[in-house]
Amino acid sequence: MKQKKVLQVVRHAKSSWDNADIADIDRTLKARGIQNAYEISRKLKLNNRIPDRIISSPAIRALHTAVIFARVFDFPLKNLQINNMLYESSEEIMIEYIKNIPEDCQSVMLFGHNPDVTNLVNHFVKITVDNIPTSGVVSLTFKCQTWNQISRDNLDNELLFYPSKEE
């Protein structure tokens, strides 16, 4: 059995606020958000950071971001999971969910929203992250055998992948 678990936390790509009549859950991505999602997912693929499982918030902007990552990773879209817990959630609920991920999964990528994703990351890292930007990914590697064991104490490595600044 492997001695590590990898949790990759992704904030959805930049979304549009152009239509005030659309419900928050239905907001779409901006063109810049789509570009950033491709940029970051390609970086992750080059760094061999392809997860065993991809789980997304049901919000259109998060789901679209997850689909872009899945395509770049050649991850089967039929295996992409949607979980309502990742939309308007809390750090505690997300941690409880993560701790119950099946043990045959060594790495998972969660697509969600701020402030939830930043709060989740800050639960585990030793140096506080002020804000995960849109399309930002924080990859956390834990030295443990089960998801229930992940904690700040057994965090072995953290990597941050952020999109390039707009020009």
Protein backbone atom coordinates (compact mmCIF):
# COMPACT_ATOMS: atom_id res chain seq x y z
CA MET A 1 0.00 0.00 0.00
CA LYS A 2 1.27 3.45 -0.86
CA GLN A 3 2.31 5.69 2.00
CA LYS A 4 0.92 8.95 0.64
CA LYS A 5 -2.26 10.75 -0.31
CA VAL A 6 -2.33 13.76 -2.66
CA LEU A 7 -5.06 16.38 -2.39
CA GLN A 8 -5.17 19.01 -5.13
CA VAL A 9 -7.47 21.93 -4.41
CA VAL A 10 -8.51 24.03 -7.40
CA ARG A 11 -10.34 27.32 -7.44
CA HIS A 12 -12.53 27.60 -10.54
CA ALA A 13 -11.32 29.78 -13.41
CA LYS A 14 -12.28 33.46 -13.76
CA SER A 15 -16.02 33.78 -14.23
CA SER A 16 -18.26 36.35 -15.80
CA TRP A 17 -20.43 38.83 -13.92
CA ASP A 18 -21.86 40.25 -17.17
CA ASN A 19 -25.42 39.02 -16.66
CA ALA A 20 -26.97 40.06 -13.34
CA ASP A 21 -30.09 38.01 -14.12
CA ILE A 22 -28.25 34.68 -13.91
CA ALA A 23 -28.17 32.78 -10.62
CA ASP A 24 -24.70 32.51 -9.04
CA ILE A 25 -24.54 28.76 -9.66
CA ASP A 26 -25.09 29.34 -13.39
CA ARG A 27 -22.35 31.93 -14.01
CA THR A 28 -20.06 31.02 -16.91
CA LEU A 29 -16.32 31.42 -17.48
CA LYS A 30 -14.72 34.43 -19.12
CA ALA A 31 -12.41 33.86 -22.10
CA ARG A 32 -9.43 34.68 -19.84
CA GLY A 33 -10.64 32.05 -17.37
CA ILE A 34 -10.76 29.40 -20.08
CA GLN A 35 -7.21 30.33 -21.19
CA ASN A 36 -5.95 30.15 -17.59
CA ALA A 37 -7.58 26.76 -17.01
CA TYR A 38 -5.80 25.36 -20.06
CA GLU A 39 -2.50 26.95 -18.98
CA ILE A 40 -2.60 25.50 -15.46
CA SER A 41 -3.86 22.06 -16.47
CA ARG A 42 -1.03 21.79 -19.02
CA LYS A 43 1.50 22.74 -16.32
CA LEU A 44 0.08 20.06 -14.03
CA LYS A 45 0.23 17.45 -16.80
CA LEU A 46 3.87 18.34 -17.50
CA ASN A 47 4.58 17.95 -13.76
CA ASN A 48 2.84 14.55 -13.70
CA ARG A 49 0.10 15.81 -11.36
CA ILE A 50 -2.82 13.93 -12.90
CA PRO A 51 -5.27 12.77 -10.20
CA ASP A 52 -7.02 9.41 -9.82
CA ARG A 53 -10.30 11.20 -9.20
CA ILE A 54 -11.76 14.60 -10.18
CA ILE A 55 -14.65 16.00 -8.15
CA SER A 56 -16.34 19.32 -8.95
CA SER A 57 -18.84 21.69 -7.49
CA PRO A 58 -22.07 21.70 -9.52
CA ALA A 59 -21.62 25.40 -10.35
CA ILE A 60 -21.16 25.91 -14.10
CA ARG A 61 -17.87 27.83 -13.67
CA ALA A 62 -16.32 25.07 -11.52
CA LEU A 63 -17.64 22.26 -13.69
CA HIS A 64 -16.39 23.94 -16.88
CA THR A 65 -12.96 24.36 -15.27
CA ALA A 66 -12.95 20.68 -14.24
CA VAL A 67 -13.91 19.59 -17.77
CA ILE A 68 -11.01 21.58 -19.24
CA PHE A 69 -8.57 19.94 -16.80
CA ALA A 70 -10.03 16.49 -17.53
CA ARG A 71 -9.63 17.00 -21.28
CA VAL A 72 -6.00 18.10 -20.94
CA PHE A 73 -5.31 15.12 -18.63
CA ASP A 74 -7.09 12.67 -21.00
CA PHE A 75 -9.23 11.86 -17.98
CA PRO A 76 -12.50 10.12 -18.94
CA LEU A 77 -15.32 12.67 -18.60
CA LYS A 78 -17.69 9.88 -17.53
CA ASN A 79 -15.53 9.51 -14.39
CA LEU A 80 -15.72 13.20 -13.45
CA GLN A 81 -17.85 13.44 -10.31
CA ILE A 82 -20.11 16.30 -9.27
CA ASN A 83 -20.75 16.86 -5.58
CA ASN A 84 -23.07 19.52 -4.15
CA MET A 85 -20.90 19.64 -1.02
CA LEU A 86 -18.33 21.68 -2.96
CA TYR A 87 -20.76 24.58 -3.57
CA GLU A 88 -21.42 27.04 -0.73
CA SER A 89 -19.83 24.67 1.72
CA SER A 90 -17.50 25.05 4.65
CA GLU A 91 -14.00 23.93 5.50
CA GLU A 92 -15.35 21.45 8.05
CA ILE A 93 -17.79 19.82 5.63
CA MET A 94 -15.11 19.57 2.94
CA ILE A 95 -12.62 17.98 5.35
CA GLU A 96 -15.21 15.45 6.48
CA TYR A 97 -15.91 14.60 2.83
CA ILE A 98 -12.19 14.22 2.01
CA LYS A 99 -11.58 11.99 5.02
CA ASN A 100 -14.18 9.59 3.60
CA ILE A 101 -12.72 9.27 0.09
CA PRO A 102 -12.26 5.58 -0.81
CA GLU A 103 -8.77 4.33 0.02
CA ASP A 104 -8.13 2.92 -3.45
CA CYS A 105 -7.85 6.54 -4.58
CA GLN A 106 -4.33 7.89 -3.99
CA SER A 107 -4.86 11.37 -5.42
CA VAL A 108 -7.93 13.55 -5.78
CA MET A 109 -8.56 16.95 -7.36
CA LEU A 110 -11.39 19.09 -5.96
CA PHE A 111 -12.84 22.04 -7.90
CA GLY A 112 -14.52 24.62 -5.72
CA HIS A 113 -14.93 28.25 -4.73
CA ASN A 114 -13.48 30.88 -2.44
CA PRO A 115 -13.40 31.39 0.45
CA ASP A 116 -13.95 27.64 0.94
CA VAL A 117 -10.91 26.42 -1.03
CA THR A 118 -8.53 28.91 0.61
CA ASN A 119 -9.87 28.02 4.06
CA LEU A 120 -9.48 24.31 3.29
CA VAL A 121 -5.85 24.75 2.21
CA ASN A 122 -5.09 26.89 5.26
CA HIS A 123 -6.37 24.09 7.49
CA PHE A 124 -3.38 22.01 6.36
CA VAL A 125 -0.50 24.35 5.44
CA LYS A 126 1.89 25.85 7.95
CA ILE A 127 2.24 29.22 6.19
CA THR A 128 -1.12 30.88 5.52
CA VAL A 129 -2.23 31.34 1.93
CA ASP A 130 -4.00 34.71 1.64
CA ASN A 131 -6.06 33.89 -1.40
CA ILE A 132 -6.02 31.16 -4.02
CA PRO A 133 -6.51 33.02 -7.30
CA THR A 134 -8.93 31.85 -9.96
CA SER A 135 -7.48 28.79 -11.76
CA GLY A 136 -5.03 28.40 -8.88
CA VAL A 137 -4.13 24.91 -7.68
CA VAL A 138 -2.61 23.92 -4.37
CA SER A 139 -1.25 20.38 -4.36
CA LEU A 140 -0.83 18.87 -0.90
CA THR A 141 1.00 15.57 -0.33
CA PHE A 142 0.45 13.79 2.96
CA LYS A 143 2.58 10.97 4.39
CA CYS A 144 -0.18 8.61 5.45
CA GLN A 145 -2.05 5.50 4.31
CA THR A 146 -5.64 6.67 4.64
CA TRP A 147 -7.59 9.83 3.85
CA ASN A 148 -8.83 9.86 7.43
CA GLN A 149 -5.22 10.41 8.59
CA ILE A 150 -4.46 13.55 6.57
CA SER A 151 -3.47 16.45 8.79
CA ARG A 152 -1.14 19.41 9.09
CA ASP A 153 1.22 17.15 11.04
CA ASN A 154 1.77 14.70 8.18
CA LEU A 155 1.78 17.23 5.34
CA ASP A 156 4.94 16.33 3.44
CA ASN A 157 4.89 18.70 0.49
CA GLU A 158 2.89 21.57 -0.95
CA LEU A 159 3.08 22.96 -4.45
CA LEU A 160 1.26 25.99 -5.80
CA PHE A 161 0.33 26.43 -9.44
CA TYR A 162 -1.03 29.85 -10.35
CA PRO A 163 -1.83 31.28 -13.78
CA SER A 164 0.38 33.99 -15.23
CA LYS A 165 -0.73 37.54 -14.53
CA GLU A 166 -2.89 39.28 -17.09
CA GLU A 167 -0.92 41.52 -19.39
